[in-house]
């Protein structure tokens, strides 16, 4: 089993996800949004599954810096913005094959380990 974690190192929930999988000796591929922006195709998977309501972090500092805290766009517009500014997303984004999770979601992660 190998999981892919997207986020930033200084985010508490991203660190929790990294620790969760490392403690269980699961191979982790970490993508730091500060070093590399996510691909549109990768983010599109998350948007199709969860939608902007669940992915956009309305409390993110970056969202207010950009003046978007009150903006309500559709998934396509948010996807375009998130490709350029991934720190507006709720983190971490975790992928295990076709299974996806957003935020600190230990219930889903544990189900992946069992199933």
C-alpha atoms as a PDB file:
ATOM      1  CA  UNK A   1       0.000   0.000   0.000  1.00  0.00           C
ATOM      2  CA  UNK A   2       1.216   3.478  -0.870  1.00  0.00           C
ATOM      3  CA  UNK A   3      -0.607   6.729  -0.182  1.00  0.00           C
ATOM      4  CA  UNK A   4      -0.109  10.133  -1.680  1.00  0.00           C
ATOM      5  CA  UNK A   5      -0.487  13.116   0.642  1.00  0.00           C
ATOM      6  CA  UNK A   6      -0.866  16.643  -0.707  1.00  0.00           C
ATOM      7  CA  UNK A   7      -0.427  19.581   1.650  1.00  0.00           C
ATOM      8  CA  UNK A   8       2.113  21.836   3.326  1.00  0.00           C
ATOM      9  CA  UNK A   9       4.525  20.757   6.051  1.00  0.00           C
ATOM     10  CA  UNK A  10       3.526  23.506   8.478  1.00  0.00           C
ATOM     11  CA  UNK A  11      -0.161  22.469   8.453  1.00  0.00           C
ATOM     12  CA  UNK A  12      -1.100  20.529  11.604  1.00  0.00           C
ATOM     13  CA  UNK A  13      -3.515  18.171   9.850  1.00  0.00           C
ATOM     14  CA  UNK A  14      -0.964  17.374   7.148  1.00  0.00           C
ATOM     15  CA  UNK A  15       1.592  16.500   9.831  1.00  0.00           C
ATOM     16  CA  UNK A  16      -1.012  14.277  11.537  1.00  0.00           C
ATOM     17  CA  UNK A  17      -1.654  12.430   8.279  1.00  0.00           C
ATOM     18  CA  UNK A  18       2.057  11.907   7.662  1.00  0.00           C
ATOM     19  CA  UNK A  19       2.510  10.618  11.225  1.00  0.00           C
ATOM     20  CA  UNK A  20      -0.560   8.342  10.987  1.00  0.00           C
ATOM     21  CA  UNK A  21       0.739   6.487   7.942  1.00  0.00           C
ATOM     22  CA  UNK A  22       4.392   6.421   9.003  1.00  0.00           C
ATOM     23  CA  UNK A  23       3.446   4.910  12.380  1.00  0.00           C
ATOM     24  CA  UNK A  24       1.676   2.127  10.469  1.00  0.00           C
ATOM     25  CA  UNK A  25       4.652   1.648   8.117  1.00  0.00           C
ATOM     26  CA  UNK A  26       2.713   2.680   5.050  1.00  0.00           C
ATOM     27  CA  UNK A  27       4.780   4.083   2.205  1.00  0.00           C
ATOM     28  CA  UNK A  28       3.983   7.781   1.777  1.00  0.00           C
ATOM     29  CA  UNK A  29       4.591  10.012  -1.211  1.00  0.00           C
ATOM     30  CA  UNK A  30       4.317  13.610   0.052  1.00  0.00           C
ATOM     31  CA  UNK A  31       3.678  16.504  -2.329  1.00  0.00           C
ATOM     32  CA  UNK A  32       4.393  19.873  -0.707  1.00  0.00           C
ATOM     33  CA  UNK A  33       2.224  22.591  -2.234  1.00  0.00           C
ATOM     34  CA  UNK A  34       4.863  25.186  -1.362  1.00  0.00           C
ATOM     35  CA  UNK A  35       7.360  23.451  -3.646  1.00  0.00           C
ATOM     36  CA  UNK A  36       5.112  22.119  -6.403  1.00  0.00           C
ATOM     37  CA  UNK A  37       1.618  23.124  -7.449  1.00  0.00           C
ATOM     38  CA  UNK A  38      -0.855  20.278  -7.950  1.00  0.00           C
ATOM     39  CA  UNK A  39      -1.813  19.223 -11.451  1.00  0.00           C
ATOM     40  CA  UNK A  40      -5.266  20.128 -12.683  1.00  0.00           C
ATOM     41  CA  UNK A  41      -6.063  16.456 -13.290  1.00  0.00           C
ATOM     42  CA  UNK A  42      -5.117  15.469  -9.743  1.00  0.00           C
ATOM     43  CA  UNK A  43      -7.180  18.227  -8.164  1.00  0.00           C
ATOM     44  CA  UNK A  44     -10.073  17.481 -10.504  1.00  0.00           C
ATOM     45  CA  UNK A  45     -10.424  14.014  -8.897  1.00  0.00           C
ATOM     46  CA  UNK A  46     -10.984  15.636  -5.524  1.00  0.00           C
ATOM     47  CA  UNK A  47     -13.371  18.281  -6.903  1.00  0.00           C
ATOM     48  CA  UNK A  48     -15.460  15.640  -8.678  1.00  0.00           C
ATOM     49  CA  UNK A  49     -15.714  13.550  -5.525  1.00  0.00           C
ATOM     50  CA  UNK A  50     -16.154  16.241  -2.860  1.00  0.00           C
ATOM     51  CA  UNK A  51     -17.079  19.519  -4.583  1.00  0.00           C
ATOM     52  CA  UNK A  52     -15.949  22.989  -3.627  1.00  0.00           C
ATOM     53  CA  UNK A  53     -18.073  23.076  -0.457  1.00  0.00           C
ATOM     54  CA  UNK A  54     -15.883  20.422   1.117  1.00  0.00           C
ATOM     55  CA  UNK A  55     -12.530  21.300  -0.479  1.00  0.00           C
ATOM     56  CA  UNK A  56     -12.261  25.068  -0.095  1.00  0.00           C
ATOM     57  CA  UNK A  57     -11.119  26.053   3.398  1.00  0.00           C
ATOM     58  CA  UNK A  58     -13.173  29.144   4.150  1.00  0.00           C
ATOM     59  CA  UNK A  59     -10.949  29.831   7.193  1.00  0.00           C
ATOM     60  CA  UNK A  60      -7.664  29.670   5.250  1.00  0.00           C
ATOM     61  CA  UNK A  61      -5.464  32.743   5.648  1.00  0.00           C
ATOM     62  CA  UNK A  62      -4.549  32.568   1.967  1.00  0.00           C
ATOM     63  CA  UNK A  63      -8.221  32.824   0.984  1.00  0.00           C
ATOM     64  CA  UNK A  64      -8.646  36.090   2.871  1.00  0.00           C
ATOM     65  CA  UNK A  65      -5.324  37.468   1.555  1.00  0.00           C
ATOM     66  CA  UNK A  66      -6.637  36.883  -1.961  1.00  0.00           C
ATOM     67  CA  UNK A  67      -9.965  38.485  -1.033  1.00  0.00           C
ATOM     68  CA  UNK A  68     -11.930  35.343  -1.858  1.00  0.00           C
ATOM     69  CA  UNK A  69     -13.442  34.506   1.540  1.00  0.00           C
ATOM     70  CA  UNK A  70     -16.903  35.656   0.412  1.00  0.00           C
ATOM     71  CA  UNK A  71     -16.630  34.353  -3.163  1.00  0.00           C
ATOM     72  CA  UNK A  72     -18.962  31.608  -4.333  1.00  0.00           C
ATOM     73  CA  UNK A  73     -17.883  30.183  -7.662  1.00  0.00           C
ATOM     74  CA  UNK A  74     -18.596  26.854  -9.309  1.00  0.00           C
ATOM     75  CA  UNK A  75     -16.287  23.852  -9.170  1.00  0.00           C
ATOM     76  CA  UNK A  76     -14.553  24.751 -12.451  1.00  0.00           C
ATOM     77  CA  UNK A  77     -13.596  28.252 -11.310  1.00  0.00           C
ATOM     78  CA  UNK A  78     -12.433  27.033  -7.892  1.00  0.00           C
ATOM     79  CA  UNK A  79     -10.401  24.315  -9.606  1.00  0.00           C
ATOM     80  CA  UNK A  80      -8.597  26.922 -11.715  1.00  0.00           C
ATOM     81  CA  UNK A  81      -7.906  29.074  -8.647  1.00  0.00           C
ATOM     82  CA  UNK A  82      -6.737  26.080  -6.579  1.00  0.00           C
ATOM     83  CA  UNK A  83      -4.243  25.073  -9.267  1.00  0.00           C
ATOM     84  CA  UNK A  84      -2.587  28.475  -8.855  1.00  0.00           C
ATOM     85  CA  UNK A  85      -3.188  28.879  -5.104  1.00  0.00           C
ATOM     86  CA  UNK A  86      -3.422  25.392  -3.532  1.00  0.00           C
ATOM     87  CA  UNK A  87      -3.209  26.761   0.012  1.00  0.00           C
ATOM     88  CA  UNK A  88      -6.894  27.731  -0.188  1.00  0.00           C
ATOM     89  CA  UNK A  89      -7.742  24.024   0.062  1.00  0.00           C
ATOM     90  CA  UNK A  90      -8.635  22.070   3.188  1.00  0.00           C
ATOM     91  CA  UNK A  91      -5.564  19.963   3.912  1.00  0.00           C
ATOM     92  CA  UNK A  92      -4.351  17.337   3.607  1.00  0.00           C
ATOM     93  CA  UNK A  93      -5.641  15.764   0.426  1.00  0.00           C
ATOM     94  CA  UNK A  94      -4.937  12.037   0.690  1.00  0.00           C
ATOM     95  CA  UNK A  95      -5.149   9.486  -2.108  1.00  0.00           C
ATOM     96  CA  UNK A  96      -4.854   5.709  -1.945  1.00  0.00           C
ATOM     97  CA  UNK A  97      -5.401   4.437  -5.482  1.00  0.00           C
ATOM     98  CA  UNK A  98      -8.951   5.515  -6.325  1.00  0.00           C
ATOM     99  CA  UNK A  99      -9.839   6.242  -2.694  1.00  0.00           C
ATOM    100  CA  UNK A 100      -9.729   9.879  -1.606  1.00  0.00           C
ATOM    101  CA  UNK A 101      -9.958  11.758   1.674  1.00  0.00           C
ATOM    102  CA  UNK A 102      -9.889  15.441   2.568  1.00  0.00           C
ATOM    103  CA  UNK A 103      -8.719  16.886   5.867  1.00  0.00           C
ATOM    104  CA  UNK A 104      -7.966  14.908   9.011  1.00  0.00           C
ATOM    105  CA  UNK A 105     -10.060  11.796   8.258  1.00  0.00           C
ATOM    106  CA  UNK A 106      -8.670   8.925  10.340  1.00  0.00           C
ATOM    107  CA  UNK A 107     -11.862   6.894   9.888  1.00  0.00           C
ATOM    108  CA  UNK A 108     -11.309   6.661   6.121  1.00  0.00           C
ATOM    109  CA  UNK A 109      -7.584   6.058   6.542  1.00  0.00           C
ATOM    110  CA  UNK A 110      -8.198   3.154   8.956  1.00  0.00           C
ATOM    111  CA  UNK A 111     -10.744   1.652   6.541  1.00  0.00           C
ATOM    112  CA  UNK A 112      -8.089   1.714   3.818  1.00  0.00           C
ATOM    113  CA  UNK A 113      -5.710  -0.242   6.046  1.00  0.00           C
ATOM    114  CA  UNK A 114      -8.336  -2.889   6.860  1.00  0.00           C
ATOM    115  CA  UNK A 115      -9.787  -3.250   3.370  1.00  0.00           C
END
